[in-house]
Structure formats: C-alpha cells, structure tokens
Amino acid sequence: MAAGDSPLTAREADLLSRASDGAPVADIARRAFLAPGTVRDHLSSAVAKLTAGNRHIAAHIAAHIARSHGWI
C-alpha cells in the first residue's frame, strides 16, 4: 500500500525506477527512448521532490524513498 499520494509524475517514477540499479543516464535514455538531458531533468526533479541529497547518490536514495512509500 502506498504511503500517501506520490509527489512524482509517472515519467519521474518510471525513470527513477530504471535508475535505481545504478544504470548510467545514457543507458536509461536509450531504453526509454529519450534524450539524456531529458532523463537528467526528470531525475533531478524527482530527487528534489524527495529531498534525496546530492546527485552522486541521489538516484539510489530517491528510488529507495519512493519504493518504500509504494510510489514505484
């Protein structure tokens, strides 16, 4: 069961889920049929919404936060 409404858009949740295994942005972009800059923008937005910290560890932390709330 999700813990409240997700602050993430569907695209942010999808890309955050794809990034949770540590995949490089270029790989995520290729698999999602998006430009790498678009992926970075969506991941940055998700990280900011989840107050997950700096960019180096943010994707992992943000994915953990979102997963623990049932949002991805």
PDB file of N, CA and C in Angstrom:
ATOM      1  N   MET A   1       0.840  -1.169   0.000  1.00  0.00           N
ATOM      2  CA  MET A   1       0.000   0.000   0.000  1.00  0.00           C
ATOM      3  C   MET A   1       0.893   1.242   0.000  1.00  0.00           C
ATOM      4  N   ALA A   2       0.568   2.182  -0.834  1.00  0.00           N
ATOM      5  CA  ALA A   2       1.342   3.415  -0.936  1.00  0.00           C
ATOM      6  C   ALA A   2       1.098   4.287   0.293  1.00  0.00           C
ATOM      7  N   ALA A   3       2.124   4.984   0.709  1.00  0.00           N
ATOM      8  CA  ALA A   3       2.022   5.880   1.855  1.00  0.00           C
ATOM      9  C   ALA A   3       1.703   7.284   1.357  1.00  0.00           C
ATOM     10  N   GLY A   4       0.441   7.562   1.117  1.00  0.00           N
ATOM     11  CA  GLY A   4       0.032   8.874   0.647  1.00  0.00           C
ATOM     12  C   GLY A   4       0.190   9.026  -0.852  1.00  0.00           C
ATOM     13  N   ASP A   5      -0.160  10.197  -1.321  1.00  0.00           N
ATOM     14  CA  ASP A   5      -0.054  10.488  -2.740  1.00  0.00           C
ATOM     15  C   ASP A   5       1.403  10.713  -3.123  1.00  0.00           C
ATOM     16  N   SER A   6       1.791  10.173  -4.243  1.00  0.00           N
ATOM     17  CA  SER A   6       3.159  10.338  -4.722  1.00  0.00           C
ATOM     18  C   SER A   6       3.364  11.743  -5.263  1.00  0.00           C
ATOM     19  N   PRO A   7       4.476  12.356  -4.899  1.00  0.00           N
ATOM     20  CA  PRO A   7       4.786  13.668  -5.464  1.00  0.00           C
ATOM     21  C   PRO A   7       5.388  13.553  -6.865  1.00  0.00           C
ATOM     22  N   LEU A   8       5.667  12.326  -7.298  1.00  0.00           N
ATOM     23  CA  LEU A   8       6.335  12.101  -8.575  1.00  0.00           C
ATOM     24  C   LEU A   8       5.345  12.013  -9.728  1.00  0.00           C
ATOM     25  N   THR A   9       5.773  12.521 -10.883  1.00  0.00           N
ATOM     26  CA  THR A   9       4.985  12.296 -12.093  1.00  0.00           C
ATOM     27  C   THR A   9       5.212  10.847 -12.523  1.00  0.00           C
ATOM     28  N   ALA A  10       4.388  10.363 -13.419  1.00  0.00           N
ATOM     29  CA  ALA A  10       4.551   8.996 -13.918  1.00  0.00           C
ATOM     30  C   ALA A  10       5.914   8.831 -14.581  1.00  0.00           C
ATOM     31  N   ARG A  11       6.364   9.818 -15.341  1.00  0.00           N
ATOM     32  CA  ARG A  11       7.658   9.744 -16.020  1.00  0.00           C
ATOM     33  C   ARG A  11       8.800   9.742 -15.007  1.00  0.00           C
ATOM     34  N   GLU A  12       8.715  10.593 -13.991  1.00  0.00           N
ATOM     35  CA  GLU A  12       9.750  10.628 -12.961  1.00  0.00           C
ATOM     36  C   GLU A  12       9.848   9.283 -12.252  1.00  0.00           C
ATOM     37  N   ALA A  13       8.707   8.708 -11.906  1.00  0.00           N
ATOM     38  CA  ALA A  13       8.701   7.407 -11.224  1.00  0.00           C
ATOM     39  C   ALA A  13       9.307   6.328 -12.113  1.00  0.00           C
ATOM     40  N   ASP A  14       8.962   6.334 -13.388  1.00  0.00           N
ATOM     41  CA  ASP A  14       9.499   5.349 -14.326  1.00  0.00           C
ATOM     42  C   ASP A  14      11.009   5.469 -14.432  1.00  0.00           C
ATOM     43  N   LEU A  15      11.502   6.664 -14.629  1.00  0.00           N
ATOM     44  CA  LEU A  15      12.939   6.858 -14.807  1.00  0.00           C
ATOM     45  C   LEU A  15      13.696   6.615 -13.505  1.00  0.00           C
ATOM     46  N   LEU A  16      13.118   6.978 -12.388  1.00  0.00           N
ATOM     47  CA  LEU A  16      13.740   6.719 -11.103  1.00  0.00           C
ATOM     48  C   LEU A  16      13.857   5.217 -10.859  1.00  0.00           C
ATOM     49  N   SER A  17      12.831   4.502 -11.221  1.00  0.00           N
ATOM     50  CA  SER A  17      12.875   3.048 -11.102  1.00  0.00           C
ATOM     51  C   SER A  17      13.972   2.467 -11.980  1.00  0.00           C
ATOM     52  N   ARG A  18      14.101   2.971 -13.199  1.00  0.00           N
ATOM     53  CA  ARG A  18      15.145   2.497 -14.123  1.00  0.00           C
ATOM     54  C   ARG A  18      16.535   2.845 -13.611  1.00  0.00           C
ATOM     55  N   ALA A  19      16.664   3.961 -12.881  1.00  0.00           N
ATOM     56  CA  ALA A  19      17.961   4.408 -12.386  1.00  0.00           C
ATOM     57  C   ALA A  19      18.357   3.723 -11.080  1.00  0.00           C
ATOM     58  N   SER A  20      17.436   3.051 -10.451  1.00  0.00           N
ATOM     59  CA  SER A  20      17.699   2.514  -9.115  1.00  0.00           C
ATOM     60  C   SER A  20      18.774   1.441  -9.085  1.00  0.00           C
ATOM     61  N   ASP A  21      19.076   0.833 -10.223  1.00  0.00           N
ATOM     62  CA  ASP A  21      20.123  -0.186 -10.253  1.00  0.00           C
ATOM     63  C   ASP A  21      21.484   0.409 -10.599  1.00  0.00           C
ATOM     64  N   GLY A  22      21.556   1.748 -10.690  1.00  0.00           N
ATOM     65  CA  GLY A  22      22.820   2.413 -10.966  1.00  0.00           C
ATOM     66  C   GLY A  22      23.152   2.555 -12.439  1.00  0.00           C
ATOM     67  N   ALA A  23      22.183   2.312 -13.313  1.00  0.00           N
ATOM     68  CA  ALA A  23      22.421   2.428 -14.753  1.00  0.00           C
ATOM     69  C   ALA A  23      22.804   3.859 -15.116  1.00  0.00           C
ATOM     70  N   PRO A  24      23.745   4.022 -16.036  1.00  0.00           N
ATOM     71  CA  PRO A  24      24.110   5.369 -16.494  1.00  0.00           C
ATOM     72  C   PRO A  24      22.946   6.048 -17.216  1.00  0.00           C
ATOM     73  N   VAL A  25      22.935   7.359 -17.176  1.00  0.00           N
ATOM     74  CA  VAL A  25      21.874   8.136 -17.817  1.00  0.00           C
ATOM     75  C   VAL A  25      21.750   7.770 -19.294  1.00  0.00           C
ATOM     76  N   ALA A  26      22.863   7.586 -19.972  1.00  0.00           N
ATOM     77  CA  ALA A  26      22.824   7.259 -21.403  1.00  0.00           C
ATOM     78  C   ALA A  26      22.071   5.949 -21.649  1.00  0.00           C
ATOM     79  N   ASP A  27      22.280   4.965 -20.793  1.00  0.00           N
ATOM     80  CA  ASP A  27      21.579   3.681 -20.942  1.00  0.00           C
ATOM     81  C   ASP A  27      20.084   3.828 -20.664  1.00  0.00           C
ATOM     82  N   ILE A  28      19.765   4.570 -19.622  1.00  0.00           N
ATOM     83  CA  ILE A  28      18.358   4.803 -19.292  1.00  0.00           C
ATOM     84  C   ILE A  28      17.676   5.529 -20.442  1.00  0.00           C
ATOM     85  N   ALA A  29      18.335   6.550 -20.978  1.00  0.00           N
ATOM     86  CA  ALA A  29      17.779   7.335 -22.083  1.00  0.00           C
ATOM     87  C   ALA A  29      17.516   6.447 -23.293  1.00  0.00           C
ATOM     88  N   ARG A  30      18.471   5.592 -23.605  1.00  0.00           N
ATOM     89  CA  ARG A  30      18.308   4.703 -24.761  1.00  0.00           C
ATOM     90  C   ARG A  30      17.126   3.753 -24.560  1.00  0.00           C
ATOM     91  N   ARG A  31      17.022   3.177 -23.378  1.00  0.00           N
ATOM     92  CA  ARG A  31      15.928   2.230 -23.105  1.00  0.00           C
ATOM     93  C   ARG A  31      14.570   2.911 -23.046  1.00  0.00           C
ATOM     94  N   ALA A  32      14.542   4.190 -22.626  1.00  0.00           N
ATOM     95  CA  ALA A  32      13.282   4.929 -22.500  1.00  0.00           C
ATOM     96  C   ALA A  32      12.958   5.745 -23.753  1.00  0.00           C
ATOM     97  N   PHE A  33      13.845   5.685 -24.759  1.00  0.00           N
ATOM     98  CA  PHE A  33      13.652   6.448 -25.998  1.00  0.00           C
ATOM     99  C   PHE A  33      13.548   7.942 -25.726  1.00  0.00           C
ATOM    100  N   LEU A  34      14.456   8.438 -24.867  1.00  0.00           N
ATOM    101  CA  LEU A  34      14.511   9.852 -24.518  1.00  0.00           C
ATOM    102  C   LEU A  34      15.938  10.354 -24.687  1.00  0.00           C
ATOM    103  N   ALA A  35      16.081  11.654 -24.754  1.00  0.00           N
ATOM    104  CA  ALA A  35      17.406  12.260 -24.787  1.00  0.00           C
ATOM    105  C   ALA A  35      18.013  12.206 -23.385  1.00  0.00           C
ATOM    106  N   PRO A  36      19.325  12.043 -23.285  1.00  0.00           N
ATOM    107  CA  PRO A  36      19.956  12.007 -21.963  1.00  0.00           C
ATOM    108  C   PRO A  36      19.641  13.244 -21.106  1.00  0.00           C
ATOM    109  N   GLY A  37      19.581  14.408 -21.719  1.00  0.00           N
ATOM    110  CA  GLY A  37      19.249  15.621 -20.970  1.00  0.00           C
ATOM    111  C   GLY A  37      17.855  15.570 -20.370  1.00  0.00           C
ATOM    112  N   THR A  38      16.929  14.967 -21.092  1.00  0.00           N
ATOM    113  CA  THR A  38      15.564  14.822 -20.586  1.00  0.00           C
ATOM    114  C   THR A  38      15.549  13.897 -19.379  1.00  0.00           C
ATOM    115  N   VAL A  39      16.298  12.819 -19.457  1.00  0.00           N
ATOM    116  CA  VAL A  39      16.383  11.884 -18.328  1.00  0.00           C
ATOM    117  C   VAL A  39      16.984  12.593 -17.116  1.00  0.00           C
ATOM    118  N   ARG A  40      18.084  13.320 -17.324  1.00  0.00           N
ATOM    119  CA  ARG A  40      18.705  14.052 -16.214  1.00  0.00           C
ATOM    120  C   ARG A  40      17.726  15.043 -15.587  1.00  0.00           C
ATOM    121  N   ASP A  41      16.972  15.750 -16.418  1.00  0.00           N
ATOM    122  CA  ASP A  41      15.997  16.720 -15.897  1.00  0.00           C
ATOM    123  C   ASP A  41      14.944  16.048 -15.030  1.00  0.00           C
ATOM    124  N   HIS A  42      14.401  14.938 -15.522  1.00  0.00           N
ATOM    125  CA  HIS A  42      13.361  14.223 -14.756  1.00  0.00           C
ATOM    126  C   HIS A  42      13.923  13.642 -13.457  1.00  0.00           C
ATOM    127  N   LEU A  43      15.134  13.076 -13.524  1.00  0.00           N
ATOM    128  CA  LEU A  43      15.741  12.528 -12.313  1.00  0.00           C
ATOM    129  C   LEU A  43      16.049  13.637 -11.312  1.00  0.00           C
ATOM    130  N   SER A  44      16.538  14.769 -11.787  1.00  0.00           N
ATOM    131  CA  SER A  44      16.810  15.899 -10.894  1.00  0.00           C
ATOM    132  C   SER A  44      15.536  16.387 -10.221  1.00  0.00           C
ATOM    133  N   SER A  45      14.460  16.429 -10.976  1.00  0.00           N
ATOM    134  CA  SER A  45      13.182  16.850 -10.418  1.00  0.00           C
ATOM    135  C   SER A  45      12.711  15.869  -9.349  1.00  0.00           C
ATOM    136  N   ALA A  46      12.824  14.578  -9.626  1.00  0.00           N
ATOM    137  CA  ALA A  46      12.414  13.556  -8.655  1.00  0.00           C
ATOM    138  C   ALA A  46      13.247  13.642  -7.391  1.00  0.00           C
ATOM    139  N   VAL A  47      14.546  13.825  -7.556  1.00  0.00           N
ATOM    140  CA  VAL A  47      15.448  13.930  -6.412  1.00  0.00           C
ATOM    141  C   VAL A  47      15.091  15.143  -5.558  1.00  0.00           C
ATOM    142  N   ALA A  48      14.805  16.263  -6.199  1.00  0.00           N
ATOM    143  CA  ALA A  48      14.434  17.473  -5.468  1.00  0.00           C
ATOM    144  C   ALA A  48      13.127  17.276  -4.705  1.00  0.00           C
ATOM    145  N   LYS A  49      12.158  16.637  -5.333  1.00  0.00           N
ATOM    146  CA  LYS A  49      10.866  16.404  -4.681  1.00  0.00           C
ATOM    147  C   LYS A  49      10.997  15.493  -3.470  1.00  0.00           C
ATOM    148  N   LEU A  50      11.932  14.567  -3.524  1.00  0.00           N
ATOM    149  CA  LEU A  50      12.098  13.602  -2.439  1.00  0.00           C
ATOM    150  C   LEU A  50      13.213  14.009  -1.481  1.00  0.00           C
ATOM    151  N   THR A  51      13.773  15.186  -1.675  1.00  0.00           N
ATOM    152  CA  THR A  51      14.877  15.701  -0.858  1.00  0.00           C
ATOM    153  C   THR A  51      15.894  14.605  -0.563  1.00  0.00           C
ATOM    154  N   ALA A  52      16.430  14.041  -1.640  1.00  0.00           N
ATOM    155  CA  ALA A  52      17.274  12.858  -1.522  1.00  0.00           C
ATOM    156  C   ALA A  52      18.765  13.153  -1.447  1.00  0.00           C
ATOM    157  N   GLY A  53      19.195  14.376  -1.454  1.00  0.00           N
ATOM    158  CA  GLY A  53      20.620  14.646  -1.308  1.00  0.00           C
ATOM    159  C   GLY A  53      21.304  15.039  -2.601  1.00  0.00           C
ATOM    160  N   ASN A  54      22.606  14.812  -2.671  1.00  0.00           N
ATOM    161  CA  ASN A  54      23.369  15.259  -3.836  1.00  0.00           C
ATOM    162  C   ASN A  54      23.226  14.300  -5.015  1.00  0.00           C
ATOM    163  N   ARG A  55      23.684  14.744  -6.178  1.00  0.00           N
ATOM    164  CA  ARG A  55      23.487  13.986  -7.422  1.00  0.00           C
ATOM    165  C   ARG A  55      24.222  12.655  -7.445  1.00  0.00           C
ATOM    166  N   HIS A  56      25.307  12.531  -6.702  1.00  0.00           N
ATOM    167  CA  HIS A  56      26.116  11.315  -6.769  1.00  0.00           C
ATOM    168  C   HIS A  56      25.398  10.104  -6.189  1.00  0.00           C
ATOM    169  N   ILE A  57      24.619  10.317  -5.141  1.00  0.00           N
ATOM    170  CA  ILE A  57      23.916   9.200  -4.515  1.00  0.00           C
ATOM    171  C   ILE A  57      22.400   9.342  -4.603  1.00  0.00           C
ATOM    172  N   ALA A  58      21.953  10.428  -5.198  1.00  0.00           N
ATOM    173  CA  ALA A  58      20.535  10.772  -5.170  1.00  0.00           C
ATOM    174  C   ALA A  58      19.628   9.741  -5.829  1.00  0.00           C
ATOM    175  N   ALA A  59      20.014   9.201  -6.964  1.00  0.00           N
ATOM    176  CA  ALA A  59      19.128   8.253  -7.653  1.00  0.00           C
ATOM    177  C   ALA A  59      18.856   7.040  -6.779  1.00  0.00           C
ATOM    178  N   HIS A  60      19.863   6.537  -6.111  1.00  0.00           N
ATOM    179  CA  HIS A  60      19.670   5.375  -5.240  1.00  0.00           C
ATOM    180  C   HIS A  60      18.799   5.716  -4.039  1.00  0.00           C
ATOM    181  N   ILE A  61      19.082   6.846  -3.417  1.00  0.00           N
ATOM    182  CA  ILE A  61      18.315   7.250  -2.243  1.00  0.00           C
ATOM    183  C   ILE A  61      16.877   7.574  -2.624  1.00  0.00           C
ATOM    184  N   ALA A  62      16.713   8.336  -3.707  1.00  0.00           N
ATOM    185  CA  ALA A  62      15.362   8.704  -4.139  1.00  0.00           C
ATOM    186  C   ALA A  62      14.557   7.464  -4.506  1.00  0.00           C
ATOM    187  N   ALA A  63      15.183   6.515  -5.179  1.00  0.00           N
ATOM    188  CA  ALA A  63      14.485   5.278  -5.525  1.00  0.00           C
ATOM    189  C   ALA A  63      14.088   4.523  -4.264  1.00  0.00           C
ATOM    190  N   HIS A  64      14.965   4.481  -3.292  1.00  0.00           N
ATOM    191  CA  HIS A  64      14.638   3.802  -2.032  1.00  0.00           C
ATOM    192  C   HIS A  64      13.457   4.494  -1.326  1.00  0.00           C
ATOM    193  N   ILE A  65      13.497   5.818  -1.273  1.00  0.00           N
ATOM    194  CA  ILE A  65      12.406   6.576  -0.658  1.00  0.00           C
ATOM    195  C   ILE A  65      11.089   6.283  -1.371  1.00  0.00           C
ATOM    196  N   ALA A  66      11.103   6.417  -2.711  1.00  0.00           N
ATOM    197  CA  ALA A  66       9.880   6.197  -3.488  1.00  0.00           C
ATOM    198  C   ALA A  66       9.393   4.763  -3.351  1.00  0.00           C
ATOM    199  N   ARG A  67      10.305   3.796  -3.382  1.00  0.00           N
ATOM    200  CA  ARG A  67       9.918   2.377  -3.273  1.00  0.00           C
ATOM    201  C   ARG A  67       9.343   2.086  -1.890  1.00  0.00           C
ATOM    202  N   SER A  68       9.929   2.669  -0.849  1.00  0.00           N
ATOM    203  CA  SER A  68       9.444   2.410   0.498  1.00  0.00           C
ATOM    204  C   SER A  68       8.044   2.992   0.735  1.00  0.00           C
ATOM    205  N   HIS A  69       7.676   3.992  -0.054  1.00  0.00           N
ATOM    206  CA  HIS A  69       6.333   4.560   0.025  1.00  0.00           C
ATOM    207  C   HIS A  69       5.356   3.915  -0.966  1.00  0.00           C
ATOM    208  N   GLY A  70       5.861   2.995  -1.764  1.00  0.00           N
ATOM    209  CA  GLY A  70       4.990   2.336  -2.744  1.00  0.00           C
ATOM    210  C   GLY A  70       4.699   3.178  -3.965  1.00  0.00           C
ATOM    211  N   TRP A  71       5.548   4.166  -4.255  1.00  0.00           N
ATOM    212  CA  TRP A  71       5.316   5.050  -5.386  1.00  0.00           C
ATOM    213  C   TRP A  71       5.931   4.535  -6.661  1.00  0.00           C
ATOM    214  N   ILE A  72       6.877   3.604  -6.575  1.00  0.00           N
ATOM    215  CA  ILE A  72       7.450   2.961  -7.776  1.00  0.00           C
ATOM    216  C   ILE A  72       7.564   1.483  -7.511  1.00  0.00           C
TER     217      ILE A  72
END
